[in-house]
Amino acid sequence: MSETKPANEALCLAALRDFDRDRYLAALLTPADRRAAVAALYAYNAELARVRDLVREPLPGEVRLQYWRDLLQGVAHGASDANPVAAELLKAMQDHHLPVGPLAAMADARIFDLYDDPMESVAMFEGYAGETAASLIQLASLVLDPAAAASAADTAGHAGVAQAVAGCLLLLPIHRARGQVYLPLEILRAVGLEGPDLLKGSDKVRLSAAIEAFAGLGLDHLQKARRSGTPPRSILPAYLPMTLAQRILLSARSRGAAILDHDIRPPQWRRQLRMMATLVSGRI
């Protein structure tokens, strides 16, 4: 057993290195005595986020998501020890008294990813972000310092929306190729577009206006997160992935439709420096 625990942690980190490099880097900057649990949460999120990549039809994807919901409810399909992410997640839940509800809601929210129905409104997107990115920040904060996490719930909520907007902007070319519309129709319609217009990508002027507005939504939530108070240093590692959002949002706002064809993610070394600078300064 003593060999299995470090092995599971290493496998979770390896999965993050392959599928979510930013959270992998953030996990490495997490205090060592909390790293395994935080890595398990991040690896769980990565497993949920990539379900669409692993299936061709929605139903098999729903089955994969149901596996995780059953696991959280104590109805495991087979031995959880055979799945290092599952085993490490259950251990994190036990060791840090993590609530089942938000973890299950993360899986429920990912059902949206399996279908091509558009994101209807800003409120719908904020709800999606709240159950995914924001919830992950709050759960990681609970691992790091439960008392501090409770005092920073508003900050986590706004930070998660900002991070989700930035993530969707980065993934916009992939989402368009799949026929998915995460940019809310409410924003598209405000500039005279519909979902199919985003997928076609031909009206660059209106698309630039929509992307600018969507990036502005993320920047607004980022400012609200900062105004709600700097998170205590004890939970600051949970916010490290979010601190990468500002550069992406500003770049998308200035470049508009050009992001449909160009990757605006800063190089890894800049992302690493940004997270390290956050830890030193204590400010998100």
C-alpha atoms as a PDB file:
ATOM      1  CA  MET A   1       0.000   0.000   0.000  1.00  0.00           C
ATOM      2  CA  SER A   2       2.820   2.426   0.795  1.00  0.00           C
ATOM      3  CA  GLU A   3       4.080   2.020  -2.779  1.00  0.00           C
ATOM      4  CA  THR A   4       0.593   2.326  -4.321  1.00  0.00           C
ATOM      5  CA  LYS A   5      -0.188   5.807  -2.959  1.00  0.00           C
ATOM      6  CA  PRO A   6       2.877   7.540  -4.452  1.00  0.00           C
ATOM      7  CA  ALA A   7       2.335   5.598  -7.671  1.00  0.00           C
ATOM      8  CA  ASN A   8      -1.259   6.837  -7.960  1.00  0.00           C
ATOM      9  CA  GLU A   9      -0.174  10.398  -7.331  1.00  0.00           C
ATOM     10  CA  ALA A  10       2.492  10.078 -10.013  1.00  0.00           C
ATOM     11  CA  LEU A  11      -0.046   8.651 -12.466  1.00  0.00           C
ATOM     12  CA  CYS A  12      -2.450  11.519 -11.782  1.00  0.00           C
ATOM     13  CA  LEU A  13       0.342  14.011 -12.394  1.00  0.00           C
ATOM     14  CA  ALA A  14       1.320  12.165 -15.578  1.00  0.00           C
ATOM     15  CA  ALA A  15      -2.278  12.384 -16.830  1.00  0.00           C
ATOM     16  CA  LEU A  16      -2.295  16.106 -16.113  1.00  0.00           C
ATOM     17  CA  ARG A  17       1.000  16.562 -17.910  1.00  0.00           C
ATOM     18  CA  ASP A  18      -0.600  15.000 -20.993  1.00  0.00           C
ATOM     19  CA  PHE A  19      -4.095  16.499 -20.866  1.00  0.00           C
ATOM     20  CA  ASP A  20      -4.000  19.676 -18.734  1.00  0.00           C
ATOM     21  CA  ARG A  21      -0.511  21.124 -18.657  1.00  0.00           C
ATOM     22  CA  ASP A  22      -1.472  24.303 -16.799  1.00  0.00           C
ATOM     23  CA  ARG A  23      -3.025  22.454 -13.885  1.00  0.00           C
ATOM     24  CA  TYR A  24      -0.087  20.063 -13.924  1.00  0.00           C
ATOM     25  CA  LEU A  25       2.241  23.027 -13.401  1.00  0.00           C
ATOM     26  CA  ALA A  26      -0.082  24.398 -10.718  1.00  0.00           C
ATOM     27  CA  ALA A  27      -0.087  21.045  -8.924  1.00  0.00           C
ATOM     28  CA  LEU A  28       3.701  21.050  -8.838  1.00  0.00           C
ATOM     29  CA  LEU A  29       3.545  24.441  -7.103  1.00  0.00           C
ATOM     30  CA  THR A  30       1.090  23.129  -4.496  1.00  0.00           C
ATOM     31  CA  PRO A  31       2.435  22.281  -1.002  1.00  0.00           C
ATOM     32  CA  ALA A  32       3.729  18.714  -1.022  1.00  0.00           C
ATOM     33  CA  ASP A  33       1.436  17.513   1.760  1.00  0.00           C
ATOM     34  CA  ARG A  34      -1.631  18.598  -0.256  1.00  0.00           C
ATOM     35  CA  ARG A  35      -0.362  17.882  -3.756  1.00  0.00           C
ATOM     36  CA  ALA A  36      -1.758  14.360  -4.136  1.00  0.00           C
ATOM     37  CA  ALA A  37      -5.313  15.432  -3.315  1.00  0.00           C
ATOM     38  CA  VAL A  38      -5.168  18.526  -5.530  1.00  0.00           C
ATOM     39  CA  ALA A  39      -3.681  16.476  -8.376  1.00  0.00           C
ATOM     40  CA  ALA A  40      -6.510  13.954  -7.965  1.00  0.00           C
ATOM     41  CA  LEU A  41      -9.109  16.728  -8.293  1.00  0.00           C
ATOM     42  CA  TYR A  42      -7.389  18.135 -11.351  1.00  0.00           C
ATOM     43  CA  ALA A  43      -7.042  14.691 -12.921  1.00  0.00           C
ATOM     44  CA  TYR A  44     -10.732  14.012 -12.267  1.00  0.00           C
ATOM     45  CA  ASN A  45     -11.590  17.273 -14.010  1.00  0.00           C
ATOM     46  CA  ALA A  46      -9.336  16.330 -16.934  1.00  0.00           C
ATOM     47  CA  GLU A  47     -11.070  12.964 -17.261  1.00  0.00           C
ATOM     48  CA  LEU A  48     -14.461  14.674 -17.434  1.00  0.00           C
ATOM     49  CA  ALA A  49     -13.270  17.344 -19.862  1.00  0.00           C
ATOM     50  CA  ARG A  50     -11.905  14.858 -22.388  1.00  0.00           C
ATOM     51  CA  VAL A  51     -14.907  12.523 -22.549  1.00  0.00           C
ATOM     52  CA  ARG A  52     -16.041  14.189 -25.784  1.00  0.00           C
ATOM     53  CA  ASP A  53     -12.646  13.367 -27.293  1.00  0.00           C
ATOM     54  CA  LEU A  54     -13.015   9.683 -26.447  1.00  0.00           C
ATOM     55  CA  VAL A  55     -16.461   8.950 -27.893  1.00  0.00           C
ATOM     56  CA  ARG A  56     -18.193   9.331 -31.244  1.00  0.00           C
ATOM     57  CA  GLU A  57     -21.744   9.409 -29.919  1.00  0.00           C
ATOM     58  CA  PRO A  58     -23.261  11.068 -26.826  1.00  0.00           C
ATOM     59  CA  LEU A  59     -24.570   7.870 -25.228  1.00  0.00           C
ATOM     60  CA  PRO A  60     -21.158   6.255 -24.596  1.00  0.00           C
ATOM     61  CA  GLY A  61     -20.060   9.612 -23.196  1.00  0.00           C
ATOM     62  CA  GLU A  62     -22.986   9.643 -20.787  1.00  0.00           C
ATOM     63  CA  VAL A  63     -22.004   6.133 -19.690  1.00  0.00           C
ATOM     64  CA  ARG A  64     -18.479   7.361 -18.914  1.00  0.00           C
ATOM     65  CA  LEU A  65     -19.851  10.274 -16.902  1.00  0.00           C
ATOM     66  CA  GLN A  66     -22.223   7.932 -15.075  1.00  0.00           C
ATOM     67  CA  TYR A  67     -19.222   5.832 -14.023  1.00  0.00           C
ATOM     68  CA  TRP A  68     -17.870   8.826 -12.107  1.00  0.00           C
ATOM     69  CA  ARG A  69     -21.230   9.715 -10.573  1.00  0.00           C
ATOM     70  CA  ASP A  70     -21.658   6.123  -9.399  1.00  0.00           C
ATOM     71  CA  LEU A  71     -18.136   6.110  -7.987  1.00  0.00           C
ATOM     72  CA  LEU A  72     -18.839   9.259  -5.978  1.00  0.00           C
ATOM     73  CA  GLN A  73     -22.064   7.748  -4.659  1.00  0.00           C
ATOM     74  CA  GLY A  74     -20.261   4.583  -3.555  1.00  0.00           C
ATOM     75  CA  VAL A  75     -21.540   2.412  -6.398  1.00  0.00           C
ATOM     76  CA  ALA A  76     -18.234   1.579  -8.051  1.00  0.00           C
ATOM     77  CA  HIS A  77     -18.147  -0.569 -11.182  1.00  0.00           C
ATOM     78  CA  GLY A  78     -15.285  -2.897 -10.417  1.00  0.00           C
ATOM     79  CA  ALA A  79     -12.412  -2.178  -8.061  1.00  0.00           C
ATOM     80  CA  SER A  80     -11.599   1.516  -7.896  1.00  0.00           C
ATOM     81  CA  ASP A  81      -7.990   0.562  -7.099  1.00  0.00           C
ATOM     82  CA  ALA A  82      -7.619  -0.373 -10.767  1.00  0.00           C
ATOM     83  CA  ASN A  83      -8.186   3.247 -11.747  1.00  0.00           C
ATOM     84  CA  PRO A  84      -5.499   5.485 -10.185  1.00  0.00           C
ATOM     85  CA  VAL A  85      -7.518   8.669 -10.658  1.00  0.00           C
ATOM     86  CA  ALA A  86     -10.590   7.101  -9.049  1.00  0.00           C
ATOM     87  CA  ALA A  87      -8.574   5.672  -6.175  1.00  0.00           C
ATOM     88  CA  GLU A  88      -6.792   8.947  -5.503  1.00  0.00           C
ATOM     89  CA  LEU A  89     -10.026  10.931  -5.779  1.00  0.00           C
ATOM     90  CA  LEU A  90     -11.776   8.720  -3.222  1.00  0.00           C
ATOM     91  CA  LYS A  91      -8.793   9.068  -0.914  1.00  0.00           C
ATOM     92  CA  ALA A  92      -8.861  12.852  -1.277  1.00  0.00           C
ATOM     93  CA  MET A  93     -12.573  12.898  -0.475  1.00  0.00           C
ATOM     94  CA  GLN A  94     -11.997  10.844   2.653  1.00  0.00           C
ATOM     95  CA  ASP A  95      -8.888  12.638   3.865  1.00  0.00           C
ATOM     96  CA  HIS A  96     -10.224  16.142   3.303  1.00  0.00           C
ATOM     97  CA  HIS A  97     -13.959  15.603   3.791  1.00  0.00           C
ATOM     98  CA  LEU A  98     -14.797  16.829   0.307  1.00  0.00           C
ATOM     99  CA  PRO A  99     -18.522  17.087  -0.470  1.00  0.00           C
ATOM    100  CA  VAL A 100     -20.006  14.706  -3.012  1.00  0.00           C
ATOM    101  CA  GLY A 101     -22.513  17.228  -4.400  1.00  0.00           C
ATOM    102  CA  PRO A 102     -20.111  19.602  -6.189  1.00  0.00           C
ATOM    103  CA  LEU A 103     -18.025  16.704  -7.501  1.00  0.00           C
ATOM    104  CA  ALA A 104     -21.108  15.028  -8.967  1.00  0.00           C
ATOM    105  CA  ALA A 105     -22.314  18.355 -10.388  1.00  0.00           C
ATOM    106  CA  MET A 106     -19.028  18.635 -12.274  1.00  0.00           C
ATOM    107  CA  ALA A 107     -19.883  15.412 -14.095  1.00  0.00           C
ATOM    108  CA  ASP A 108     -23.471  16.513 -14.684  1.00  0.00           C
ATOM    109  CA  ALA A 109     -22.322  19.794 -16.240  1.00  0.00           C
ATOM    110  CA  ARG A 110     -20.155  17.918 -18.740  1.00  0.00           C
ATOM    111  CA  ILE A 111     -23.217  16.343 -20.345  1.00  0.00           C
ATOM    112  CA  PHE A 112     -23.452  19.617 -22.268  1.00  0.00           C
ATOM    113  CA  ASP A 113     -20.086  18.828 -23.877  1.00  0.00           C
ATOM    114  CA  LEU A 114     -21.442  15.654 -25.440  1.00  0.00           C
ATOM    115  CA  TYR A 115     -24.087  17.351 -27.558  1.00  0.00           C
ATOM    116  CA  ASP A 116     -24.079  20.154 -30.112  1.00  0.00           C
ATOM    117  CA  ASP A 117     -26.824  22.235 -28.532  1.00  0.00           C
ATOM    118  CA  PRO A 118     -25.647  25.864 -28.277  1.00  0.00           C
ATOM    119  CA  MET A 119     -25.028  27.770 -25.067  1.00  0.00           C
ATOM    120  CA  GLU A 120     -28.166  29.887 -24.981  1.00  0.00           C
ATOM    121  CA  SER A 121     -27.370  32.727 -22.601  1.00  0.00           C
ATOM    122  CA  VAL A 122     -24.706  34.380 -20.485  1.00  0.00           C
ATOM    123  CA  ALA A 123     -26.462  33.079 -17.374  1.00  0.00           C
ATOM    124  CA  MET A 124     -26.335  29.527 -18.752  1.00  0.00           C
ATOM    125  CA  PHE A 125     -22.617  29.866 -19.427  1.00  0.00           C
ATOM    126  CA  GLU A 126     -21.996  31.284 -15.947  1.00  0.00           C
ATOM    127  CA  GLY A 127     -23.837  28.309 -14.476  1.00  0.00           C
ATOM    128  CA  TYR A 128     -21.738  25.906 -16.515  1.00  0.00           C
ATOM    129  CA  ALA A 129     -18.558  27.675 -15.430  1.00  0.00           C
ATOM    130  CA  GLY A 130     -19.715  27.681 -11.826  1.00  0.00           C
ATOM    131  CA  GLU A 131     -20.148  23.900 -11.790  1.00  0.00           C
ATOM    132  CA  THR A 132     -16.837  23.233 -13.562  1.00  0.00           C
ATOM    133  CA  ALA A 133     -13.966  25.732 -13.242  1.00  0.00           C
ATOM    134  CA  ALA A 134     -15.267  27.616 -10.193  1.00  0.00           C
ATOM    135  CA  SER A 135     -16.182  24.449  -8.342  1.00  0.00           C
ATOM    136  CA  LEU A 136     -12.727  23.040  -9.001  1.00  0.00           C
ATOM    137  CA  ILE A 137     -11.092  26.133  -7.493  1.00  0.00           C
ATOM    138  CA  GLN A 138     -13.300  25.861  -4.423  1.00  0.00           C
ATOM    139  CA  LEU A 139     -12.663  22.122  -3.982  1.00  0.00           C
ATOM    140  CA  ALA A 140      -8.900  22.600  -4.283  1.00  0.00           C
ATOM    141  CA  SER A 141      -9.201  25.412  -1.722  1.00  0.00           C
ATOM    142  CA  LEU A 142     -10.995  23.031   0.643  1.00  0.00           C
ATOM    143  CA  VAL A 143      -8.043  20.672   0.405  1.00  0.00           C
ATOM    144  CA  LEU A 144      -5.584  23.476   1.125  1.00  0.00           C
ATOM    145  CA  ASP A 145      -7.418  25.270   3.949  1.00  0.00           C
ATOM    146  CA  PRO A 146     -11.131  24.638   4.623  1.00  0.00           C
ATOM    147  CA  ALA A 147     -11.649  27.744   6.764  1.00  0.00           C
ATOM    148  CA  ALA A 148     -10.039  30.035   4.216  1.00  0.00           C
ATOM    149  CA  ALA A 149     -11.971  28.378   1.399  1.00  0.00           C
ATOM    150  CA  ALA A 150     -15.272  29.251   3.045  1.00  0.00           C
ATOM    151  CA  SER A 151     -14.307  32.923   3.220  1.00  0.00           C
ATOM    152  CA  ALA A 152     -13.354  33.101  -0.467  1.00  0.00           C
ATOM    153  CA  ALA A 153     -16.380  31.493  -2.131  1.00  0.00           C
ATOM    154  CA  ASP A 154     -17.334  34.649  -4.070  1.00  0.00           C
ATOM    155  CA  THR A 155     -13.780  35.070  -5.309  1.00  0.00           C
ATOM    156  CA  ALA A 156     -13.720  31.455  -6.504  1.00  0.00           C
ATOM    157  CA  GLY A 157     -17.019  31.913  -8.323  1.00  0.00           C
ATOM    158  CA  HIS A 158     -15.920  34.921 -10.343  1.00  0.00           C
ATOM    159  CA  ALA A 159     -12.444  33.511 -10.907  1.00  0.00           C
ATOM    160  CA  GLY A 160     -13.934  30.320 -12.304  1.00  0.00           C
ATOM    161  CA  VAL A 161     -16.087  32.167 -14.835  1.00  0.00           C
ATOM    162  CA  ALA A 162     -13.083  34.214 -15.989  1.00  0.00           C
ATOM    163  CA  GLN A 163     -11.054  31.040 -16.390  1.00  0.00           C
ATOM    164  CA  ALA A 164     -13.869  29.279 -18.259  1.00  0.00           C
ATOM    165  CA  VAL A 165     -14.253  32.154 -20.720  1.00  0.00           C
ATOM    166  CA  ALA A 166     -10.510  32.118 -21.397  1.00  0.00           C
ATOM    167  CA  GLY A 167     -10.583  28.342 -21.856  1.00  0.00           C
ATOM    168  CA  CYS A 168     -13.463  28.495 -24.324  1.00  0.00           C
ATOM    169  CA  LEU A 169     -11.689  31.194 -26.317  1.00  0.00           C
ATOM    170  CA  LEU A 170      -8.601  28.990 -26.561  1.00  0.00           C
ATOM    171  CA  LEU A 171     -10.736  26.037 -27.641  1.00  0.00           C
ATOM    172  CA  LEU A 172     -12.854  28.016 -30.087  1.00  0.00           C
ATOM    173  CA  PRO A 173     -11.207  26.486 -33.204  1.00  0.00           C
ATOM    174  CA  ILE A 174     -11.736  22.954 -31.832  1.00  0.00           C
ATOM    175  CA  HIS A 175     -15.325  23.658 -30.800  1.00  0.00           C
ATOM    176  CA  ARG A 176     -16.112  25.085 -34.246  1.00  0.00           C
ATOM    177  CA  ALA A 177     -14.663  22.002 -35.940  1.00  0.00           C
ATOM    178  CA  ARG A 178     -16.977  19.841 -33.826  1.00  0.00           C
ATOM    179  CA  GLY A 179     -20.026  22.018 -34.438  1.00  0.00           C
ATOM    180  CA  GLN A 180     -20.193  23.217 -30.836  1.00  0.00           C
ATOM    181  CA  VAL A 181     -21.194  26.741 -29.794  1.00  0.00           C
ATOM    182  CA  TYR A 182     -20.046  27.715 -26.302  1.00  0.00           C
ATOM    183  CA  LEU A 183     -20.109  31.444 -27.002  1.00  0.00           C
ATOM    184  CA  PRO A 184     -23.605  32.351 -25.737  1.00  0.00           C
ATOM    185  CA  LEU A 185     -26.246  32.958 -28.394  1.00  0.00           C
ATOM    186  CA  GLU A 186     -27.278  35.992 -26.360  1.00  0.00           C
ATOM    187  CA  ILE A 187     -23.946  37.612 -27.235  1.00  0.00           C
ATOM    188  CA  LEU A 188     -23.971  36.421 -30.850  1.00  0.00           C
ATOM    189  CA  ARG A 189     -27.473  37.758 -31.428  1.00  0.00           C
ATOM    190  CA  ALA A 190     -26.541  41.118 -29.945  1.00  0.00           C
ATOM    191  CA  VAL A 191     -24.193  41.609 -32.921  1.00  0.00           C
ATOM    192  CA  GLY A 192     -26.551  40.105 -35.493  1.00  0.00           C
ATOM    193  CA  LEU A 193     -25.263  36.512 -35.606  1.00  0.00           C
ATOM    194  CA  GLU A 194     -26.580  33.023 -34.854  1.00  0.00           C
ATOM    195  CA  GLY A 195     -24.780  29.821 -33.920  1.00  0.00           C
ATOM    196  CA  PRO A 196     -24.265  28.655 -37.530  1.00  0.00           C
ATOM    197  CA  ASP A 197     -22.611  31.993 -38.328  1.00  0.00           C
ATOM    198  CA  LEU A 198     -19.974  31.304 -35.683  1.00  0.00           C
ATOM    199  CA  LEU A 199     -19.378  27.857 -37.149  1.00  0.00           C
ATOM    200  CA  LYS A 200     -19.000  29.265 -40.671  1.00  0.00           C
ATOM    201  CA  GLY A 201     -16.682  32.022 -39.475  1.00  0.00           C
ATOM    202  CA  SER A 202     -17.202  34.163 -42.582  1.00  0.00           C
ATOM    203  CA  ASP A 203     -18.471  37.420 -41.054  1.00  0.00           C
ATOM    204  CA  LYS A 204     -15.218  38.486 -39.422  1.00  0.00           C
ATOM    205  CA  VAL A 205     -16.446  41.931 -38.362  1.00  0.00           C
ATOM    206  CA  ARG A 206     -19.426  40.679 -36.381  1.00  0.00           C
ATOM    207  CA  LEU A 207     -17.484  37.699 -35.073  1.00  0.00           C
ATOM    208  CA  SER A 208     -14.798  40.048 -33.787  1.00  0.00           C
ATOM    209  CA  ALA A 209     -17.475  42.051 -31.972  1.00  0.00           C
ATOM    210  CA  ALA A 210     -18.904  38.875 -30.396  1.00  0.00           C
ATOM    211  CA  ILE A 211     -15.485  37.612 -29.328  1.00  0.00           C
ATOM    212  CA  GLU A 212     -14.653  41.023 -27.882  1.00  0.00           C
ATOM    213  CA  ALA A 213     -17.879  40.980 -25.862  1.00  0.00           C
ATOM    214  CA  PHE A 214     -17.276  37.422 -24.645  1.00  0.00           C
ATOM    215  CA  ALA A 215     -13.715  38.282 -23.606  1.00  0.00           C
ATOM    216  CA  GLY A 216     -15.131  41.357 -21.888  1.00  0.00           C
ATOM    217  CA  LEU A 217     -17.422  39.091 -19.875  1.00  0.00           C
ATOM    218  CA  GLY A 218     -14.387  37.167 -18.676  1.00  0.00           C
ATOM    219  CA  LEU A 219     -12.485  40.344 -17.818  1.00  0.00           C
ATOM    220  CA  ASP A 220     -15.492  41.657 -15.893  1.00  0.00           C
ATOM    221  CA  HIS A 221     -15.573  38.515 -13.755  1.00  0.00           C
ATOM    222  CA  LEU A 222     -11.817  38.704 -13.306  1.00  0.00           C
ATOM    223  CA  GLN A 223     -12.145  42.230 -11.927  1.00  0.00           C
ATOM    224  CA  LYS A 224     -14.997  41.123  -9.649  1.00  0.00           C
ATOM    225  CA  ALA A 225     -12.810  38.298  -8.350  1.00  0.00           C
ATOM    226  CA  ARG A 226     -10.048  40.764  -7.536  1.00  0.00           C
ATOM    227  CA  ARG A 227     -12.420  43.268  -5.947  1.00  0.00           C
ATOM    228  CA  SER A 228     -13.969  40.583  -3.765  1.00  0.00           C
ATOM    229  CA  GLY A 229     -10.673  40.201  -1.943  1.00  0.00           C
ATOM    230  CA  THR A 230      -7.291  38.586  -2.354  1.00  0.00           C
ATOM    231  CA  PRO A 231      -7.492  34.896  -1.405  1.00  0.00           C
ATOM    232  CA  PRO A 232      -5.483  33.984   1.698  1.00  0.00           C
ATOM    233  CA  ARG A 233      -2.022  32.697   0.860  1.00  0.00           C
ATOM    234  CA  SER A 234      -2.961  29.273   2.214  1.00  0.00           C
ATOM    235  CA  ILE A 235      -5.358  28.709  -0.717  1.00  0.00           C
ATOM    236  CA  LEU A 236      -3.535  30.741  -3.362  1.00  0.00           C
ATOM    237  CA  PRO A 237      -2.259  27.617  -5.208  1.00  0.00           C
ATOM    238  CA  ALA A 238      -5.883  26.796  -6.088  1.00  0.00           C
ATOM    239  CA  TYR A 239      -6.041  30.030  -8.102  1.00  0.00           C
ATOM    240  CA  LEU A 240      -2.832  29.559 -10.078  1.00  0.00           C
ATOM    241  CA  PRO A 241      -4.470  28.252 -13.294  1.00  0.00           C
ATOM    242  CA  MET A 242      -6.908  31.179 -13.218  1.00  0.00           C
ATOM    243  CA  THR A 243      -4.099  33.725 -13.148  1.00  0.00           C
ATOM    244  CA  LEU A 244      -3.309  32.806 -16.765  1.00  0.00           C
ATOM    245  CA  ALA A 245      -6.710  34.033 -17.944  1.00  0.00           C
ATOM    246  CA  GLN A 246      -6.034  37.766 -18.168  1.00  0.00           C
ATOM    247  CA  ARG A 247      -3.452  37.621 -20.950  1.00  0.00           C
ATOM    248  CA  ILE A 248      -5.701  35.318 -22.997  1.00  0.00           C
ATOM    249  CA  LEU A 249      -8.769  37.511 -22.493  1.00  0.00           C
ATOM    250  CA  LEU A 250      -6.918  40.689 -23.430  1.00  0.00           C
ATOM    251  CA  SER A 251      -5.430  39.050 -26.507  1.00  0.00           C
ATOM    252  CA  ALA A 252      -8.826  37.756 -27.646  1.00  0.00           C
ATOM    253  CA  ARG A 253     -10.432  41.147 -27.093  1.00  0.00           C
ATOM    254  CA  SER A 254      -7.816  42.870 -29.236  1.00  0.00           C
ATOM    255  CA  ARG A 255      -7.488  40.253 -31.991  1.00  0.00           C
ATOM    256  CA  GLY A 256     -11.139  39.325 -32.420  1.00  0.00           C
ATOM    257  CA  ALA A 257     -11.887  36.832 -35.183  1.00  0.00           C
ATOM    258  CA  ALA A 258      -8.175  36.296 -35.798  1.00  0.00           C
ATOM    259  CA  ILE A 259      -8.187  33.848 -32.870  1.00  0.00           C
ATOM    260  CA  LEU A 260     -10.216  31.460 -35.015  1.00  0.00           C
ATOM    261  CA  ASP A 261      -7.047  30.646 -36.914  1.00  0.00           C
ATOM    262  CA  HIS A 262      -4.241  31.432 -34.451  1.00  0.00           C
ATOM    263  CA  ASP A 263      -3.304  30.027 -31.056  1.00  0.00           C
ATOM    264  CA  ILE A 264      -3.196  32.837 -28.495  1.00  0.00           C
ATOM    265  CA  ARG A 265      -1.953  30.740 -25.590  1.00  0.00           C
ATOM    266  CA  PRO A 266       1.298  32.179 -24.199  1.00  0.00           C
ATOM    267  CA  PRO A 267       4.311  29.837 -24.271  1.00  0.00           C
ATOM    268  CA  GLN A 268       4.707  27.465 -21.358  1.00  0.00           C
ATOM    269  CA  TRP A 269       7.644  29.324 -19.834  1.00  0.00           C
ATOM    270  CA  ARG A 270       5.539  32.485 -19.566  1.00  0.00           C
ATOM    271  CA  ARG A 271       2.713  30.572 -17.937  1.00  0.00           C
ATOM    272  CA  GLN A 272       5.104  29.042 -15.429  1.00  0.00           C
ATOM    273  CA  LEU A 273       6.575  32.449 -14.581  1.00  0.00           C
ATOM    274  CA  ARG A 274       3.103  33.935 -14.172  1.00  0.00           C
ATOM    275  CA  MET A 275       2.078  31.286 -11.659  1.00  0.00           C
ATOM    276  CA  MET A 276       5.330  31.584  -9.734  1.00  0.00           C
ATOM    277  CA  ALA A 277       4.971  35.374  -9.657  1.00  0.00           C
ATOM    278  CA  THR A 278       1.482  34.954  -8.209  1.00  0.00           C
ATOM    279  CA  LEU A 279       2.823  32.857  -5.353  1.00  0.00           C
ATOM    280  CA  VAL A 280       5.536  35.421  -4.625  1.00  0.00           C
ATOM    281  CA  SER A 281       3.274  38.471  -4.811  1.00  0.00           C
ATOM    282  CA  GLY A 282       0.281  36.879  -3.105  1.00  0.00           C
ATOM    283  CA  ARG A 283      -2.074  38.584  -5.580  1.00  0.00           C
ATOM    284  CA  ILE A 284      -4.259  37.065  -8.270  1.00  0.00           C
END
